[in-house]
Amino acid sequence: MRRSAVAAGGAALALASALACAQAAQPLPGAVPAPAVAAPRVDEAQRHIAAAVDRFRRRDFSGAIQEFELANAAVPTPELWYNIARAREMLQDYHGAVDDLRRYLRDKVDPPDRADVERHIGELERLDEIRRAALARNVTGQTLRLEVEGSAEGTVVVLDGRSEAAAGLRTPRSVAEGVHRVEVDRPGMQPWVAQVRVRAGESAAVFATLAPRTTYETHPAPHIASAVLGGLGVAALGVSGYFAVRSATEGCNGCSAQWDAAHRSDILLGTGAALAVGALVAFFVERASSTSVTRR
């Protein structure tokens, strides 16, 4: 249903001519006489209609509305409401166009296009809702709100590299469209970081839940075995040295006392070396057995 404004204007012009001719016609017997329309008023309406059609063609829709309204004031005609509605629709004044189309249906006696006009009214109402929602988004813009679990005392919030008070971000903050980096830090708690995408006209809300900060302490195992083995190894080596010196200082060469001292020195030397190796192995085993304690 897209009746052109020019066609509607032509219908209004034809109606105005009919009104002018009706002034000279005699009423039928028993008919209720219609109110007479003065010829100057008809001429005035025709001039405004012609000017309105011309302005509509030149896409001066505001001027066309003004001229149609002047014509309607001179000679009220239902078709003029339709023309005004078309001009308002071109200006995206859908609400006003709906009102004018309803006036057309109200004043027109049994309009043949009622179903089409009512369907078009529904379309214009949907367009008006879309336009209003778009205007609301442009006025409001994008907002971001941050809610941090727990007390805000000592909490530091960094939004896109700028420090903010945590309490201040509980109120929606206007932000640009796109991705925003939000960091939350509080003493004794692990840092919280998130990337938040805010779309055009969207109100985004972020909820930060902080976890306690975790620290680790290592408690080394006592080196008892390595110390004992090391001590025995040192003692064995010391005694081995004693017998080696005694063997070398024996007055007899090759006597049994000299061989006995040398034999004991060799045995203690091997024992000391074995104990030293055992002490070294025990040290690394004990080191690997150290315990880690988690503290929060």
Protein backbone atom coordinates (compact mmCIF):
# COMPACT_ATOMS: atom_id res chain seq x y z
CA MET A 1 0.00 0.00 0.00
CA ARG A 2 2.06 2.93 -1.31
CA ARG A 3 -0.25 5.57 -2.73
CA SER A 4 1.88 8.47 -4.00
CA ALA A 5 1.35 11.91 -2.55
CA VAL A 6 0.96 13.34 -6.02
CA ALA A 7 -1.94 11.01 -6.75
CA ALA A 8 -3.55 11.87 -3.44
CA GLY A 9 -3.05 15.54 -4.19
CA GLY A 10 -4.78 15.07 -7.54
CA ALA A 11 -7.73 13.45 -5.75
CA ALA A 12 -7.93 16.43 -3.40
CA LEU A 13 -7.83 18.84 -6.34
CA ALA A 14 -10.67 16.96 -8.03
CA LEU A 15 -12.63 17.09 -4.80
CA ALA A 16 -12.08 20.83 -4.52
CA SER A 17 -13.45 21.32 -8.05
CA ALA A 18 -16.44 19.20 -7.14
CA LEU A 19 -17.07 21.38 -4.12
CA ALA A 20 -16.98 24.46 -6.30
CA CYS A 21 -19.49 22.95 -8.71
CA ALA A 22 -21.74 21.83 -5.88
CA GLN A 23 -22.39 25.43 -4.90
CA ALA A 24 -24.50 25.92 -8.03
CA ALA A 25 -26.37 22.61 -7.77
CA GLN A 26 -29.89 22.52 -6.37
CA PRO A 27 -30.55 20.13 -3.48
CA LEU A 28 -32.91 17.23 -4.10
CA PRO A 29 -36.39 17.44 -2.56
CA GLY A 30 -36.32 16.33 1.08
CA ALA A 31 -32.51 16.21 1.25
CA VAL A 32 -30.65 17.92 4.05
CA PRO A 33 -28.71 20.79 2.47
CA ALA A 34 -24.91 20.44 2.82
CA PRO A 35 -23.04 23.40 4.23
CA ALA A 36 -22.00 25.73 1.46
CA VAL A 37 -18.32 26.21 0.78
CA ALA A 38 -17.39 29.67 -0.36
CA ALA A 39 -15.62 29.80 -3.72
CA PRO A 40 -12.70 31.87 -2.33
CA ARG A 41 -12.05 29.14 0.24
CA VAL A 42 -12.04 26.50 -2.50
CA ASP A 43 -9.63 28.58 -4.58
CA GLU A 44 -7.42 29.05 -1.52
CA ALA A 45 -7.39 25.31 -0.87
CA GLN A 46 -6.51 24.59 -4.50
CA ARG A 47 -3.57 27.02 -4.35
CA HIS A 48 -2.20 25.42 -1.19
CA ILE A 49 -2.64 21.91 -2.63
CA ALA A 50 -0.77 22.85 -5.80
CA ALA A 51 2.03 24.39 -3.71
CA ALA A 52 2.13 21.32 -1.47
CA VAL A 53 2.43 18.93 -4.42
CA ASP A 54 5.23 21.04 -5.87
CA ARG A 55 7.13 21.08 -2.58
CA PHE A 56 6.67 17.33 -2.17
CA ARG A 57 8.17 16.76 -5.62
CA ARG A 58 11.14 18.91 -4.58
CA ARG A 59 11.43 16.81 -1.39
CA ASP A 60 10.59 19.80 0.79
CA PHE A 61 8.39 17.63 3.00
CA SER A 62 8.11 20.13 5.85
CA GLY A 63 6.87 22.78 3.42
CA ALA A 64 4.46 20.29 1.85
CA ILE A 65 2.97 19.53 5.30
CA GLN A 66 2.47 23.22 5.96
CA GLU A 67 0.70 23.75 2.64
CA PHE A 68 -1.51 20.66 3.06
CA GLU A 69 -2.52 21.84 6.53
CA LEU A 70 -3.45 25.29 5.16
CA ALA A 71 -5.53 23.62 2.43
CA ASN A 72 -7.25 21.46 5.03
CA ALA A 73 -7.98 24.52 7.14
CA ALA A 74 -9.64 26.17 4.12
CA VAL A 75 -11.63 23.11 3.01
CA PRO A 76 -11.43 20.10 5.36
CA THR A 77 -10.85 16.98 3.24
CA PRO A 78 -9.99 13.45 4.46
CA GLU A 79 -7.53 12.87 1.61
CA LEU A 80 -5.40 15.72 2.87
CA TRP A 81 -4.77 13.81 6.11
CA TYR A 82 -3.42 10.99 3.98
CA ASN A 83 -1.11 13.38 2.10
CA ILE A 84 0.14 14.89 5.34
CA ALA A 85 0.84 11.39 6.69
CA ARG A 86 2.91 10.54 3.60
CA ALA A 87 5.01 13.67 4.03
CA ARG A 88 5.55 12.93 7.72
CA GLU A 89 6.61 9.39 6.87
CA MET A 90 9.27 10.76 4.52
CA LEU A 91 10.56 12.84 7.45
CA GLN A 92 10.61 9.65 9.60
CA ASP A 93 7.99 11.18 11.89
CA TYR A 94 6.25 7.82 12.11
CA HIS A 95 4.23 8.70 15.20
CA GLY A 96 2.76 11.78 13.53
CA ALA A 97 2.09 9.82 10.34
CA VAL A 98 0.12 7.23 12.32
CA ASP A 99 -2.02 9.98 13.89
CA ASP A 100 -2.77 11.52 10.48
CA LEU A 101 -3.70 8.18 8.93
CA ARG A 102 -6.11 7.54 11.77
CA ARG A 103 -7.68 10.95 11.14
CA TYR A 104 -8.04 9.93 7.49
CA LEU A 105 -9.91 6.74 8.49
CA ARG A 106 -12.02 8.74 10.94
CA ASP A 107 -13.13 11.41 8.46
CA LYS A 108 -13.37 9.30 5.31
CA VAL A 109 -16.78 7.70 4.86
CA ASP A 110 -16.32 3.95 4.22
CA PRO A 111 -12.76 4.23 2.88
CA PRO A 112 -12.15 1.48 0.30
CA ASP A 113 -8.52 1.16 1.37
CA ARG A 114 -9.17 0.78 5.11
CA ALA A 115 -7.47 -2.62 5.36
CA ASP A 116 -4.35 -1.38 3.56
CA VAL A 117 -4.18 1.78 5.65
CA GLU A 118 -4.59 -0.13 8.92
CA ARG A 119 -1.85 -2.55 7.86
CA HIS A 120 0.43 0.36 7.03
CA ILE A 121 -0.32 1.93 10.42
CA GLY A 122 1.02 -1.25 12.04
CA GLU A 123 4.20 -1.00 9.94
CA LEU A 124 4.71 2.63 10.91
CA GLU A 125 4.22 1.82 14.60
CA ARG A 126 6.97 -0.81 14.40
CA LEU A 127 9.26 1.66 12.63
CA ASP A 128 8.55 4.22 15.33
CA GLU A 129 9.54 1.72 18.04
CA ILE A 130 12.81 0.97 16.23
CA ARG A 131 13.57 4.67 15.81
CA ARG A 132 12.88 5.42 19.47
CA ALA A 133 15.11 2.54 20.59
CA ALA A 134 17.93 3.79 18.35
CA LEU A 135 17.59 7.31 19.72
CA ALA A 136 17.68 5.96 23.28
CA ARG A 137 20.91 4.09 22.53
CA ASN A 138 22.50 7.18 21.04
CA VAL A 139 21.58 9.27 24.06
CA THR A 140 22.54 6.72 26.69
CA GLY A 141 25.61 5.27 24.97
CA GLN A 142 27.51 2.31 26.41
CA THR A 143 27.97 1.79 30.13
CA LEU A 144 30.04 -0.55 32.28
CA ARG A 145 29.35 -1.43 35.90
CA LEU A 146 31.68 -3.39 38.20
CA GLU A 147 30.68 -5.20 41.37
CA VAL A 148 33.48 -6.61 43.56
CA GLU A 149 32.70 -9.33 46.09
CA GLY A 150 33.46 -8.40 49.69
CA SER A 151 34.57 -5.10 51.15
CA ALA A 152 35.78 -2.37 48.80
CA GLU A 153 38.27 -1.13 51.38
CA GLY A 154 41.80 -1.34 50.03
CA THR A 155 40.55 -2.61 46.67
CA VAL A 156 42.22 -1.11 43.62
CA VAL A 157 40.49 -1.28 40.24
CA VAL A 158 42.32 -0.53 36.99
CA LEU A 159 40.08 0.12 33.99
CA ASP A 160 41.97 0.32 30.70
CA GLY A 161 45.15 1.30 32.54
CA ARG A 162 43.52 3.95 34.75
CA SER A 163 43.10 3.42 38.48
CA GLU A 164 39.55 3.75 39.73
CA ALA A 165 37.85 3.48 43.10
CA ALA A 166 36.00 0.18 43.40
CA ALA A 167 33.00 1.87 44.98
CA GLY A 168 32.82 4.39 42.12
CA LEU A 169 32.38 1.71 39.47
CA ARG A 170 29.27 0.35 41.15
CA THR A 171 27.46 3.16 39.33
CA PRO A 172 27.32 2.57 35.54
CA ARG A 173 30.23 4.34 33.86
CA SER A 174 30.05 5.58 30.27
CA VAL A 175 32.63 3.79 28.13
CA ALA A 176 33.51 3.55 24.47
CA GLU A 177 32.33 0.66 22.34
CA GLY A 178 34.81 -2.22 22.20
CA VAL A 179 36.94 -4.38 24.52
CA HIS A 180 37.95 -3.09 27.96
CA ARG A 181 40.53 -4.55 30.38
CA VAL A 182 39.46 -4.67 34.01
CA GLU A 183 41.94 -5.48 36.80
CA VAL A 184 41.06 -5.82 40.48
CA ASP A 185 43.64 -6.09 43.28
CA ARG A 186 43.18 -6.31 47.03
CA PRO A 187 45.78 -6.99 49.76
CA GLY A 188 45.95 -10.69 50.59
CA MET A 189 43.96 -11.70 47.52
CA GLN A 190 44.97 -12.97 44.09
CA PRO A 191 44.74 -10.37 41.28
CA TRP A 192 41.59 -10.62 39.12
CA VAL A 193 41.80 -9.74 35.41
CA ALA A 194 39.10 -9.84 32.72
CA GLN A 195 38.50 -8.63 29.15
CA VAL A 196 34.99 -7.20 28.75
CA ARG A 197 33.41 -6.47 25.35
CA VAL A 198 30.81 -3.69 25.37
CA ARG A 199 28.64 -3.39 22.26
CA ALA A 200 27.00 -0.20 20.99
CA GLY A 201 24.18 0.91 23.29
CA GLU A 202 24.82 -1.98 25.68
CA SER A 203 24.95 -1.80 29.47
CA ALA A 204 27.49 -4.37 30.66
CA ALA A 205 27.88 -5.58 34.25
CA VAL A 206 30.98 -7.34 35.61
CA PHE A 207 31.16 -9.29 38.88
CA ALA A 208 34.64 -9.92 40.31
CA THR A 209 35.14 -12.74 42.84
CA LEU A 210 38.58 -12.63 44.48
CA ALA A 211 40.38 -15.71 45.81
CA PRO A 212 42.85 -15.63 48.73
CA ARG A 213 46.48 -15.22 47.74
CA THR A 214 48.45 -18.51 48.03
CA THR A 215 52.07 -18.63 49.35
CA TYR A 216 54.34 -21.64 49.60
CA GLU A 217 57.02 -22.35 52.27
CA THR A 218 59.53 -25.22 52.12
CA HIS A 219 60.55 -26.95 55.35
CA PRO A 220 63.81 -28.91 54.74
CA ALA A 221 64.13 -32.37 56.28
CA PRO A 222 66.86 -32.73 58.97
CA HIS A 223 70.12 -34.23 57.63
CA ILE A 224 70.57 -36.75 60.46
CA ALA A 225 71.65 -39.79 58.44
CA SER A 226 74.09 -37.84 56.30
CA ALA A 227 75.57 -36.22 59.39
CA VAL A 228 76.03 -39.55 61.19
CA LEU A 229 77.52 -41.23 58.15
CA GLY A 230 79.74 -38.28 57.46
CA GLY A 231 80.93 -38.21 61.05
CA LEU A 232 81.73 -41.95 61.05
CA GLY A 233 83.50 -41.56 57.71
CA VAL A 234 85.69 -38.75 59.06
CA ALA A 235 86.47 -40.81 62.18
CA ALA A 236 87.40 -43.83 60.08
CA LEU A 237 89.67 -41.78 57.90
CA GLY A 238 91.30 -40.27 60.99
CA VAL A 239 91.97 -43.67 62.59
CA SER A 240 93.20 -44.93 59.20
CA GLY A 241 95.73 -42.13 59.19
CA TYR A 242 96.84 -43.00 62.70
CA PHE A 243 97.58 -46.63 61.75
CA ALA A 244 99.32 -45.49 58.56
CA VAL A 245 101.67 -43.30 60.60
CA ARG A 246 102.22 -46.11 63.13
CA SER A 247 103.07 -48.54 60.36
CA ALA A 248 105.59 -46.15 58.92
CA THR A 249 107.27 -45.51 62.27
CA GLU A 250 107.65 -49.13 63.38
CA GLY A 251 111.28 -49.89 64.10
CA CYS A 252 111.21 -53.20 62.35
CA ASN A 253 110.96 -53.56 58.61
CA GLY A 254 108.45 -56.14 57.52
CA CYS A 255 107.62 -57.34 61.00
CA SER A 256 104.15 -58.46 61.94
CA ALA A 257 103.40 -55.26 63.94
CA GLN A 258 104.12 -53.13 60.88
CA TRP A 259 101.96 -55.30 58.60
CA ASP A 260 99.14 -55.31 61.17
CA ALA A 261 99.12 -51.49 61.43
CA ALA A 262 99.17 -51.13 57.63
CA HIS A 263 96.34 -53.65 57.22
CA ARG A 264 94.17 -51.80 59.75
CA SER A 265 94.90 -48.47 58.01
CA ASP A 266 93.77 -49.87 54.67
CA ILE A 267 90.56 -51.30 56.12
CA LEU A 268 89.67 -48.05 57.88
CA LEU A 269 90.53 -46.05 54.75
CA GLY A 270 88.08 -48.08 52.68
CA THR A 271 85.45 -47.89 55.40
CA GLY A 272 85.85 -44.10 55.66
CA ALA A 273 85.53 -43.68 51.89
CA ALA A 274 82.39 -45.84 51.84
CA LEU A 275 80.90 -43.86 54.73
CA ALA A 276 81.69 -40.57 52.92
CA VAL A 277 79.89 -41.77 49.77
CA GLY A 278 76.96 -42.93 51.89
CA ALA A 279 76.82 -39.56 53.65
CA LEU A 280 76.73 -37.79 50.27
CA VAL A 281 73.91 -40.01 49.01
CA ALA A 282 71.96 -39.57 52.25
CA PHE A 283 72.32 -35.77 51.95
CA PHE A 284 70.63 -35.65 48.56
CA VAL A 285 67.93 -38.11 49.60
CA GLU A 286 67.11 -36.01 52.66
CA ARG A 287 67.08 -32.84 50.54
CA ALA A 288 64.57 -34.39 48.14
CA SER A 289 62.41 -35.32 51.10
CA SER A 290 61.86 -31.66 52.09
CA THR A 291 58.17 -30.77 52.59
CA SER A 292 56.30 -27.76 51.08
CA VAL A 293 53.68 -26.07 53.22
CA THR A 294 50.89 -23.97 51.64
CA ARG A 295 49.86 -20.89 53.53
CA ARG A 296 46.92 -18.59 52.67
